[in-house]
């Protein structure tokens, strides 16, 4: 056992412990899968049939669960600031295991809504936020490259877990599959986080990026205070915060909305089920590629320029989706939108700690993540309303395109905030 919270013993570690935290945070990110859309989509046909729900009832439960999950998510960041990332992560993993078991018992619309709320709040929301914050505590100048490495785990989950879940459901049923997920999450992740997770490099006598700390503890505290570190109230007043939060929210709204209805969209255009399956591969491959490249570039280029590049690619992808009606146009959408997502993920992994510091990182990212989750809930709702009222998804995608194009025009303004000490 690594005494991750014993400064006196851990100071003798002969290596930088941040390199242990990379695979730990990657596994935590993979553990978010039960709450991610790509995993839940494997259960939706069986949930609809077993619970005798219509498509609109099923999607309504999912949208409401996602929207409701955004509200308590705002508390996760401040709790991690107060009690430490390790403690809050242990609680979130334990609760996610319980949520998976609860999902295996749902019997009607209301219990399904409760299950979606728990899965989205704990998986897609809380653990995604905590795993990102964990890496931000350990790396600063190299965080882009480290985040690029972590993206490999996310890509593997996206590519492998839906197929694995579908195979499990076919063999043992959807209820037993959720029970198995509950057991897997608890048995594998709780020991890993308990024994290996360490909150900050200072807890093991080290500093960010692996510099060995040898000075007295009070000097460490003063050097930490000297670094740029804004409170949530100060961050909200910064222009960059508003632009970054808006980009995350609109991106989540458009991405979740289109992905949620991608099979229906392709069906409306007359394509068979093989086309959307191929689109997911194109989207995932481009997202992985640009996140790897963007993660490296984020350590060397200005983040506001990378942000603008990401929003431009997202806008181009949305334009291809709304104006193109061929298979080639749909692949152009998937490639451009996936590339834009990868670039925004690369920027998001770096920008918060670079711009606003580590001291209140949980509160700052928690607030933005709350907006992101809310956006991901609104996207499918807007897509569904557009199809019900106008007979197609075009109006909703036009709205997404207009919002994202507007953000691409102001993305360059998302420059680092100027603190009093710098002015």
Protein backbone atom coordinates (compact mmCIF):
# COMPACT_ATOMS: atom_id res chain seq x y z
CA UNK A 1 0.00 0.00 0.00
CA UNK A 2 1.29 3.44 -0.94
CA UNK A 3 0.87 5.73 2.07
CA UNK A 4 -0.60 8.42 -0.15
CA UNK A 5 -1.69 10.58 2.74
CA UNK A 6 1.43 10.17 4.90
CA UNK A 7 3.85 12.95 4.03
CA UNK A 8 6.55 11.62 6.34
CA UNK A 9 6.79 8.23 4.60
CA UNK A 10 5.80 9.11 1.06
CA UNK A 11 8.52 11.77 0.79
CA UNK A 12 10.97 8.90 0.25
CA UNK A 13 9.28 7.73 -2.96
CA UNK A 14 12.01 7.35 -5.63
CA UNK A 15 9.67 8.32 -8.50
CA UNK A 16 7.06 10.95 -9.34
CA UNK A 17 3.73 9.63 -8.09
CA UNK A 18 1.84 11.53 -10.77
CA UNK A 19 2.72 8.74 -13.18
CA UNK A 20 0.74 6.37 -10.96
CA UNK A 21 -2.17 8.79 -10.91
CA UNK A 22 -2.43 8.79 -14.72
CA UNK A 23 -3.69 5.17 -15.03
CA UNK A 24 -5.75 5.55 -11.83
CA UNK A 25 -7.53 8.62 -13.26
CA UNK A 26 -7.92 6.82 -16.60
CA UNK A 27 -9.66 3.90 -14.86
CA UNK A 28 -11.92 6.33 -13.00
CA UNK A 29 -12.80 7.91 -16.35
CA UNK A 30 -13.64 4.49 -17.82
CA UNK A 31 -15.80 3.83 -14.74
CA UNK A 32 -18.04 6.71 -15.81
CA UNK A 33 -19.32 4.48 -18.65
CA UNK A 34 -22.56 3.29 -16.96
CA UNK A 35 -23.69 6.92 -16.96
CA UNK A 36 -22.56 7.77 -20.49
CA UNK A 37 -24.95 7.90 -23.45
CA UNK A 38 -22.94 5.34 -25.45
CA UNK A 39 -23.45 2.73 -22.70
CA UNK A 40 -27.05 3.55 -21.83
CA UNK A 41 -27.96 3.29 -25.52
CA UNK A 42 -27.22 -0.47 -25.35
CA UNK A 43 -30.03 -0.87 -22.80
CA UNK A 44 -32.66 1.38 -24.38
CA UNK A 45 -34.35 -1.17 -26.71
CA UNK A 46 -34.70 -3.65 -23.86
CA UNK A 47 -35.89 -1.02 -21.38
CA UNK A 48 -38.55 0.16 -23.80
CA UNK A 49 -39.83 -3.36 -24.42
CA UNK A 50 -39.62 -4.62 -20.84
CA UNK A 51 -41.20 -1.54 -19.25
CA UNK A 52 -43.70 -1.08 -22.12
CA UNK A 53 -42.69 2.52 -22.75
CA UNK A 54 -43.03 4.53 -25.91
CA UNK A 55 -39.98 6.15 -27.51
CA UNK A 56 -41.07 9.55 -26.24
CA UNK A 57 -41.51 8.29 -22.68
CA UNK A 58 -38.09 6.65 -22.71
CA UNK A 59 -36.34 9.74 -24.07
CA UNK A 60 -38.26 11.98 -21.67
CA UNK A 61 -37.05 9.94 -18.70
CA UNK A 62 -33.49 10.22 -19.99
CA UNK A 63 -33.70 13.96 -20.58
CA UNK A 64 -35.30 14.71 -17.22
CA UNK A 65 -32.77 12.50 -15.43
CA UNK A 66 -29.91 14.35 -17.12
CA UNK A 67 -31.33 17.79 -16.36
CA UNK A 68 -32.01 16.94 -12.72
CA UNK A 69 -28.48 15.53 -12.38
CA UNK A 70 -27.02 18.97 -13.16
CA UNK A 71 -28.27 20.55 -9.94
CA UNK A 72 -26.53 18.42 -7.27
CA UNK A 73 -23.46 18.21 -9.49
CA UNK A 74 -22.64 21.80 -8.51
CA UNK A 75 -21.91 20.48 -5.00
CA UNK A 76 -19.36 17.86 -6.05
CA UNK A 77 -16.57 20.32 -6.80
CA UNK A 78 -16.80 22.23 -3.50
CA UNK A 79 -17.00 18.92 -1.60
CA UNK A 80 -13.81 17.72 -3.28
CA UNK A 81 -12.12 21.01 -2.37
CA UNK A 82 -13.12 20.53 1.26
CA UNK A 83 -12.75 16.78 1.83
CA UNK A 84 -10.26 15.85 -0.89
CA UNK A 85 -10.65 14.19 -4.27
CA UNK A 86 -9.89 10.72 -2.93
CA UNK A 87 -12.69 10.68 -0.36
CA UNK A 88 -15.31 12.09 -2.71
CA UNK A 89 -14.26 9.69 -5.48
CA UNK A 90 -14.66 6.71 -3.14
CA UNK A 91 -18.15 7.86 -2.22
CA UNK A 92 -19.09 8.48 -5.88
CA UNK A 93 -17.89 5.03 -6.97
CA UNK A 94 -19.79 3.37 -4.12
CA UNK A 95 -22.95 5.24 -5.03
CA UNK A 96 -22.52 4.44 -8.75
CA UNK A 97 -22.37 0.75 -7.87
CA UNK A 98 -25.62 1.12 -5.93
CA UNK A 99 -27.13 3.06 -8.84
CA UNK A 100 -26.32 0.22 -11.26
CA UNK A 101 -28.02 -2.26 -8.94
CA UNK A 102 -31.03 0.05 -8.61
CA UNK A 103 -31.21 0.27 -12.42
CA UNK A 104 -31.62 -3.53 -12.52
CA UNK A 105 -34.81 -3.22 -10.42
CA UNK A 106 -36.69 -0.49 -12.32
CA UNK A 107 -40.30 -1.35 -13.14
CA UNK A 108 -41.93 1.83 -14.51
CA UNK A 109 -41.33 5.33 -15.84
CA UNK A 110 -40.72 6.90 -12.44
CA UNK A 111 -38.17 4.35 -11.24
CA UNK A 112 -36.42 4.54 -14.61
CA UNK A 113 -36.24 8.32 -14.24
CA UNK A 114 -34.61 7.82 -10.84
CA UNK A 115 -32.11 5.36 -12.31
CA UNK A 116 -31.20 7.72 -15.16
CA UNK A 117 -30.77 10.56 -12.67
CA UNK A 118 -28.35 8.54 -10.51
CA UNK A 119 -26.38 7.13 -13.44
CA UNK A 120 -25.98 10.53 -15.10
CA UNK A 121 -25.19 12.38 -11.88
CA UNK A 122 -22.65 9.86 -10.59
CA UNK A 123 -21.15 8.53 -13.83
CA UNK A 124 -21.28 11.11 -16.59
CA UNK A 125 -21.19 13.98 -14.08
CA UNK A 126 -19.34 13.37 -10.82
CA UNK A 127 -16.67 10.84 -11.79
CA UNK A 128 -15.86 12.65 -15.06
CA UNK A 129 -15.31 15.85 -13.09
CA UNK A 130 -13.27 14.13 -10.37
CA UNK A 131 -10.98 12.24 -12.75
CA UNK A 132 -10.21 15.43 -14.68
CA UNK A 133 -9.50 17.36 -11.49
CA UNK A 134 -7.23 14.59 -10.24
CA UNK A 135 -4.85 14.99 -13.17
CA UNK A 136 -5.00 18.79 -12.89
CA UNK A 137 -3.66 18.49 -9.35
CA UNK A 138 -0.53 16.66 -10.51
CA UNK A 139 0.41 18.22 -13.83
CA UNK A 140 0.60 21.77 -15.14
CA UNK A 141 3.21 22.33 -17.86
CA UNK A 142 2.71 18.77 -19.19
CA UNK A 143 -1.01 18.43 -18.55
CA UNK A 144 -1.88 18.58 -22.25
CA UNK A 145 0.28 15.59 -23.11
CA UNK A 146 -0.91 13.69 -20.04
CA UNK A 147 -4.55 14.35 -20.94
CA UNK A 148 -3.83 13.13 -24.47
CA UNK A 149 -2.64 9.82 -23.02
CA UNK A 150 -5.78 9.60 -20.88
CA UNK A 151 -7.96 10.05 -23.95
CA UNK A 152 -6.93 6.58 -25.10
CA UNK A 153 -8.91 5.07 -22.21
CA UNK A 154 -12.00 7.08 -23.14
CA UNK A 155 -11.72 5.98 -26.76
CA UNK A 156 -11.39 2.32 -25.77
CA UNK A 157 -14.49 2.60 -23.60
CA UNK A 158 -16.43 4.25 -26.43
CA UNK A 159 -15.42 1.54 -28.90
CA UNK A 160 -15.62 -1.58 -26.72
CA UNK A 161 -18.12 -1.17 -23.88
CA UNK A 162 -21.36 -0.79 -25.93
CA UNK A 163 -20.63 -3.99 -27.85
CA UNK A 164 -19.69 -5.83 -24.65
CA UNK A 165 -22.88 -4.67 -22.92
CA UNK A 166 -25.02 -5.74 -25.85
CA UNK A 167 -23.42 -9.20 -25.78
CA UNK A 168 -24.02 -9.49 -22.03
CA UNK A 169 -27.65 -8.43 -22.37
CA UNK A 170 -28.18 -11.00 -25.11
CA UNK A 171 -26.80 -13.78 -22.89
CA UNK A 172 -27.98 -12.92 -19.35
CA UNK A 173 -30.58 -10.16 -19.82
CA UNK A 174 -30.49 -6.45 -19.08
CA UNK A 175 -31.30 -6.73 -15.38
CA UNK A 176 -28.49 -9.22 -14.72
CA UNK A 177 -26.14 -7.06 -16.79
CA UNK A 178 -26.82 -4.05 -14.57
CA UNK A 179 -26.26 -6.26 -11.51
CA UNK A 180 -22.94 -7.36 -12.99
CA UNK A 181 -21.97 -3.73 -13.61
CA UNK A 182 -22.69 -2.92 -9.97
CA UNK A 183 -20.38 -5.71 -8.83
CA UNK A 184 -17.62 -4.88 -11.31
CA UNK A 185 -17.59 -1.18 -10.39
CA UNK A 186 -17.36 -1.88 -6.66
CA UNK A 187 -14.94 -4.81 -6.68
CA UNK A 188 -12.44 -3.36 -9.15
CA UNK A 189 -12.46 0.37 -8.48
CA UNK A 190 -12.91 0.76 -4.72
CA UNK A 191 -9.62 -1.03 -3.86
CA UNK A 192 -7.74 0.82 -6.62
CA UNK A 193 -8.89 4.24 -5.44
CA UNK A 194 -8.50 3.40 -1.74
CA UNK A 195 -4.93 2.16 -2.03
CA UNK A 196 -3.49 4.15 -4.94
CA UNK A 197 -5.35 7.46 -5.19
CA UNK A 198 -3.47 10.47 -3.81
CA UNK A 199 -5.03 13.92 -3.63
CA UNK A 200 -2.06 16.18 -4.34
CA UNK A 201 1.70 15.92 -4.92
CA UNK A 202 2.26 17.87 -1.68
CA UNK A 203 0.83 14.89 0.22
CA UNK A 204 3.80 12.78 -0.89
CA UNK A 205 6.48 15.43 -0.57
CA UNK A 206 6.48 16.37 -4.24
CA UNK A 207 5.28 19.28 -6.35
CA UNK A 208 3.40 19.69 -9.60
CA UNK A 209 5.06 18.08 -12.67
CA UNK A 210 7.45 16.04 -10.54
CA UNK A 211 9.80 18.54 -8.95
CA UNK A 212 11.08 17.11 -5.70
CA UNK A 213 10.10 19.28 -2.73
CA UNK A 214 12.78 19.70 -0.10
CA UNK A 215 11.96 23.03 1.55
CA UNK A 216 10.02 23.38 4.80
CA UNK A 217 6.26 22.93 4.61
CA UNK A 218 5.52 26.60 5.22
CA UNK A 219 7.59 27.52 2.15
CA UNK A 220 5.51 25.12 0.09
CA UNK A 221 2.34 26.84 1.21
CA UNK A 222 3.69 30.27 0.36
CA UNK A 223 4.85 29.15 -3.09
CA UNK A 224 1.43 27.62 -3.74
CA UNK A 225 -0.25 30.87 -2.73
CA UNK A 226 2.04 32.78 -5.08
CA UNK A 227 0.72 30.88 -8.07
CA UNK A 228 -2.33 32.20 -9.92
CA UNK A 229 -5.34 30.86 -8.03
CA UNK A 230 -8.81 32.39 -8.33
CA UNK A 231 -11.92 31.72 -6.30
CA UNK A 232 -15.15 30.72 -8.02
CA UNK A 233 -16.52 34.26 -7.56
CA UNK A 234 -13.40 35.76 -9.15
CA UNK A 235 -13.40 33.25 -11.99
CA UNK A 236 -17.05 33.92 -12.89
CA UNK A 237 -16.20 37.59 -13.37
CA UNK A 238 -13.57 36.71 -16.01
CA UNK A 239 -14.45 36.93 -19.69
CA UNK A 240 -12.71 33.63 -20.42
CA UNK A 241 -14.89 31.78 -17.91
CA UNK A 242 -18.12 32.84 -19.64
CA UNK A 243 -16.81 31.94 -23.11
CA UNK A 244 -15.44 28.57 -22.02
CA UNK A 245 -18.62 27.69 -20.11
CA UNK A 246 -20.79 28.64 -23.11
CA UNK A 247 -18.64 26.56 -25.49
CA UNK A 248 -18.94 23.52 -23.23
CA UNK A 249 -22.70 23.92 -22.82
CA UNK A 250 -23.53 24.39 -26.51
CA UNK A 251 -21.16 21.61 -27.54
CA UNK A 252 -22.79 19.21 -25.06
CA UNK A 253 -26.25 20.29 -26.22
CA UNK A 254 -25.52 19.70 -29.90
CA UNK A 255 -23.43 16.56 -29.45
CA UNK A 256 -25.78 14.72 -27.12
CA UNK A 257 -28.85 15.74 -29.10
CA UNK A 258 -27.54 14.51 -32.45
CA UNK A 259 -25.88 11.37 -31.08
CA UNK A 260 -29.03 10.44 -29.16
CA UNK A 261 -31.10 10.62 -32.37
CA UNK A 262 -28.43 9.61 -34.88
CA UNK A 263 -30.11 6.31 -35.78
CA UNK A 264 -33.46 8.07 -36.23
CA UNK A 265 -31.88 10.85 -38.28
CA UNK A 266 -30.28 8.32 -40.64
CA UNK A 267 -33.54 6.38 -40.87
CA UNK A 268 -35.42 9.56 -41.82
CA UNK A 269 -32.90 10.06 -44.63
CA UNK A 270 -33.47 6.52 -45.89
CA UNK A 271 -30.25 4.87 -44.69
CA UNK A 272 -30.04 1.46 -43.04
CA UNK A 273 -28.63 0.77 -39.55
CA UNK A 274 -25.10 0.15 -40.84
CA UNK A 275 -24.64 3.83 -41.67
CA UNK A 276 -25.02 5.27 -38.13
CA UNK A 277 -22.83 2.44 -36.79
CA UNK A 278 -20.09 3.52 -39.22
CA UNK A 279 -20.64 7.17 -38.27
CA UNK A 280 -19.89 6.36 -34.63
CA UNK A 281 -16.57 4.85 -35.73
CA UNK A 282 -15.68 7.92 -37.76
CA UNK A 283 -16.65 10.25 -34.93
CA UNK A 284 -14.72 8.26 -32.32
CA UNK A 285 -11.59 7.92 -34.45
CA UNK A 286 -11.43 11.64 -35.25
CA UNK A 287 -12.13 12.56 -31.63
CA UNK A 288 -9.25 10.37 -30.46
CA UNK A 289 -6.88 11.68 -33.13
CA UNK A 290 -7.49 15.38 -32.47
CA UNK A 291 -7.49 14.90 -28.71
CA UNK A 292 -4.06 13.27 -28.92
CA UNK A 293 -2.72 16.01 -31.22
CA UNK A 294 -4.52 18.79 -29.35
CA UNK A 295 -3.24 17.54 -26.00
CA UNK A 296 0.34 17.95 -27.21
CA UNK A 297 -0.36 21.31 -28.86
CA UNK A 298 -2.00 22.61 -25.68
CA UNK A 299 1.38 22.55 -23.96
CA UNK A 300 2.91 24.83 -26.61
CA UNK A 301 0.19 26.95 -28.27
CA UNK A 302 -2.25 29.54 -26.94
CA UNK A 303 -5.37 27.84 -25.66
CA UNK A 304 -7.77 30.46 -27.03
CA UNK A 305 -6.53 29.69 -30.56
CA UNK A 306 -7.10 25.97 -30.06
CA UNK A 307 -10.54 26.77 -28.64
CA UNK A 308 -11.41 28.73 -31.78
CA UNK A 309 -10.17 25.88 -33.97
CA UNK A 310 -12.38 23.43 -32.08
CA UNK A 311 -15.50 25.59 -32.32
CA UNK A 312 -14.93 26.18 -36.06
CA UNK A 313 -14.70 22.42 -36.67
CA UNK A 314 -17.85 21.83 -34.61
CA UNK A 315 -19.66 24.52 -36.63
CA UNK A 316 -18.51 22.98 -39.91
CA UNK A 317 -19.71 19.57 -38.75
CA UNK A 318 -23.14 20.94 -37.84
CA UNK A 319 -23.36 22.65 -41.23
CA UNK A 320 -22.64 19.32 -42.93
CA UNK A 321 -25.37 17.67 -40.84
CA UNK A 322 -28.05 20.23 -41.64
CA UNK A 323 -27.29 20.82 -45.34
CA UNK A 324 -25.98 17.44 -46.44
CA UNK A 325 -28.30 14.53 -47.11
CA UNK A 326 -25.84 11.99 -48.49
CA UNK A 327 -23.79 9.36 -46.72
CA UNK A 328 -20.63 11.28 -47.57
CA UNK A 329 -22.06 14.44 -45.98
CA UNK A 330 -22.94 12.50 -42.83
CA UNK A 331 -19.38 11.18 -42.62
CA UNK A 332 -18.17 14.75 -43.07
CA UNK A 333 -20.35 15.72 -40.12
CA UNK A 334 -19.01 12.85 -38.00
CA UNK A 335 -15.39 13.59 -38.88
CA UNK A 336 -15.58 17.35 -38.34
CA UNK A 337 -17.74 17.17 -35.23
CA UNK A 338 -15.55 14.41 -33.75
CA UNK A 339 -12.44 16.47 -34.48
CA UNK A 340 -14.00 19.52 -32.84
CA UNK A 341 -14.97 17.49 -29.79
CA UNK A 342 -11.44 16.14 -29.48
CA UNK A 343 -9.96 19.63 -29.65
CA UNK A 344 -12.35 21.02 -27.03
CA UNK A 345 -11.61 18.06 -24.77
CA UNK A 346 -7.89 18.73 -25.13
CA UNK A 347 -8.39 22.41 -24.28
CA UNK A 348 -10.71 21.63 -21.39
CA UNK A 349 -8.21 19.28 -19.79
CA UNK A 350 -5.66 22.08 -19.62
CA UNK A 351 -7.36 25.45 -19.52
CA UNK A 352 -9.01 25.42 -16.09
CA UNK A 353 -5.89 24.81 -14.04
CA UNK A 354 -3.78 27.07 -16.30
CA UNK A 355 -6.19 30.00 -16.16
CA UNK A 356 -7.64 29.72 -12.65
CA UNK A 357 -5.22 27.68 -10.53
CA UNK A 358 -5.67 24.63 -8.31
CA UNK A 359 -6.92 26.00 -4.98
CA UNK A 360 -10.59 26.25 -6.00
CA UNK A 361 -10.47 24.00 -9.06
CA UNK A 362 -13.28 21.75 -7.83
CA UNK A 363 -15.73 24.62 -7.39
CA UNK A 364 -14.84 26.23 -10.72
CA UNK A 365 -14.97 23.10 -12.86
CA UNK A 366 -17.99 21.84 -10.93
CA UNK A 367 -19.97 24.94 -11.88
CA UNK A 368 -19.04 24.61 -15.55
CA UNK A 369 -19.73 20.87 -15.53
CA UNK A 370 -23.17 21.57 -14.10
CA UNK A 371 -23.90 23.76 -17.15
CA UNK A 372 -22.46 21.10 -19.45
CA UNK A 373 -24.68 18.36 -18.06
CA UNK A 374 -27.72 20.63 -18.31
CA UNK A 375 -26.85 21.33 -21.94
CA UNK A 376 -26.57 17.63 -22.67
CA UNK A 377 -30.09 17.18 -21.32
CA UNK A 378 -31.57 20.01 -23.37
CA UNK A 379 -30.11 18.80 -26.66
CA UNK A 380 -32.25 15.66 -27.10
CA UNK A 381 -35.31 17.59 -25.90
CA UNK A 382 -34.83 20.29 -28.56
CA UNK A 383 -34.24 17.64 -31.24
CA UNK A 384 -37.42 15.80 -30.23
CA UNK A 385 -39.52 18.97 -30.21
CA UNK A 386 -38.22 19.91 -33.67
CA UNK A 387 -39.19 16.53 -35.10
CA UNK A 388 -42.63 16.56 -33.47
CA UNK A 389 -43.47 20.11 -34.58
CA UNK A 390 -41.71 20.45 -37.95
CA UNK A 391 -41.31 16.81 -38.95
CA UNK A 392 -37.51 16.85 -38.92
CA UNK A 393 -34.43 17.74 -36.90
CA UNK A 394 -33.37 20.66 -39.12
CA UNK A 395 -34.61 23.55 -36.93
CA UNK A 396 -32.79 22.23 -33.85
CA UNK A 397 -29.54 21.70 -35.76
CA UNK A 398 -29.85 25.20 -37.23
CA UNK A 399 -30.11 26.52 -33.67
CA UNK A 400 -27.03 24.56 -32.59
CA UNK A 401 -25.13 25.82 -35.64
CA UNK A 402 -26.05 29.45 -34.98
CA UNK A 403 -24.95 29.26 -31.34
CA UNK A 404 -21.69 27.47 -32.11
CA UNK A 405 -20.82 29.76 -35.02
CA UNK A 406 -21.34 32.75 -32.73
CA UNK A 407 -19.03 31.25 -30.13
CA UNK A 408 -16.35 30.59 -32.75
CA UNK A 409 -16.29 34.35 -33.42
CA UNK A 410 -15.56 35.20 -29.77
CA UNK A 411 -13.37 32.21 -28.86
CA UNK A 412 -10.15 34.20 -29.38
CA UNK A 413 -11.27 36.49 -26.55
CA UNK A 414 -10.91 33.64 -24.05
CA UNK A 415 -7.47 34.81 -22.95
CA UNK A 416 -5.93 34.10 -19.52
CA UNK A 417 -7.38 36.31 -16.76
CA UNK A 418 -5.17 39.11 -15.45
CA UNK A 419 -4.80 38.99 -11.68
CA UNK A 420 -4.03 41.94 -9.42
CA UNK A 421 -0.45 40.78 -9.08
CA UNK A 422 -0.04 40.82 -12.85
CA UNK A 423 -1.67 44.19 -13.53
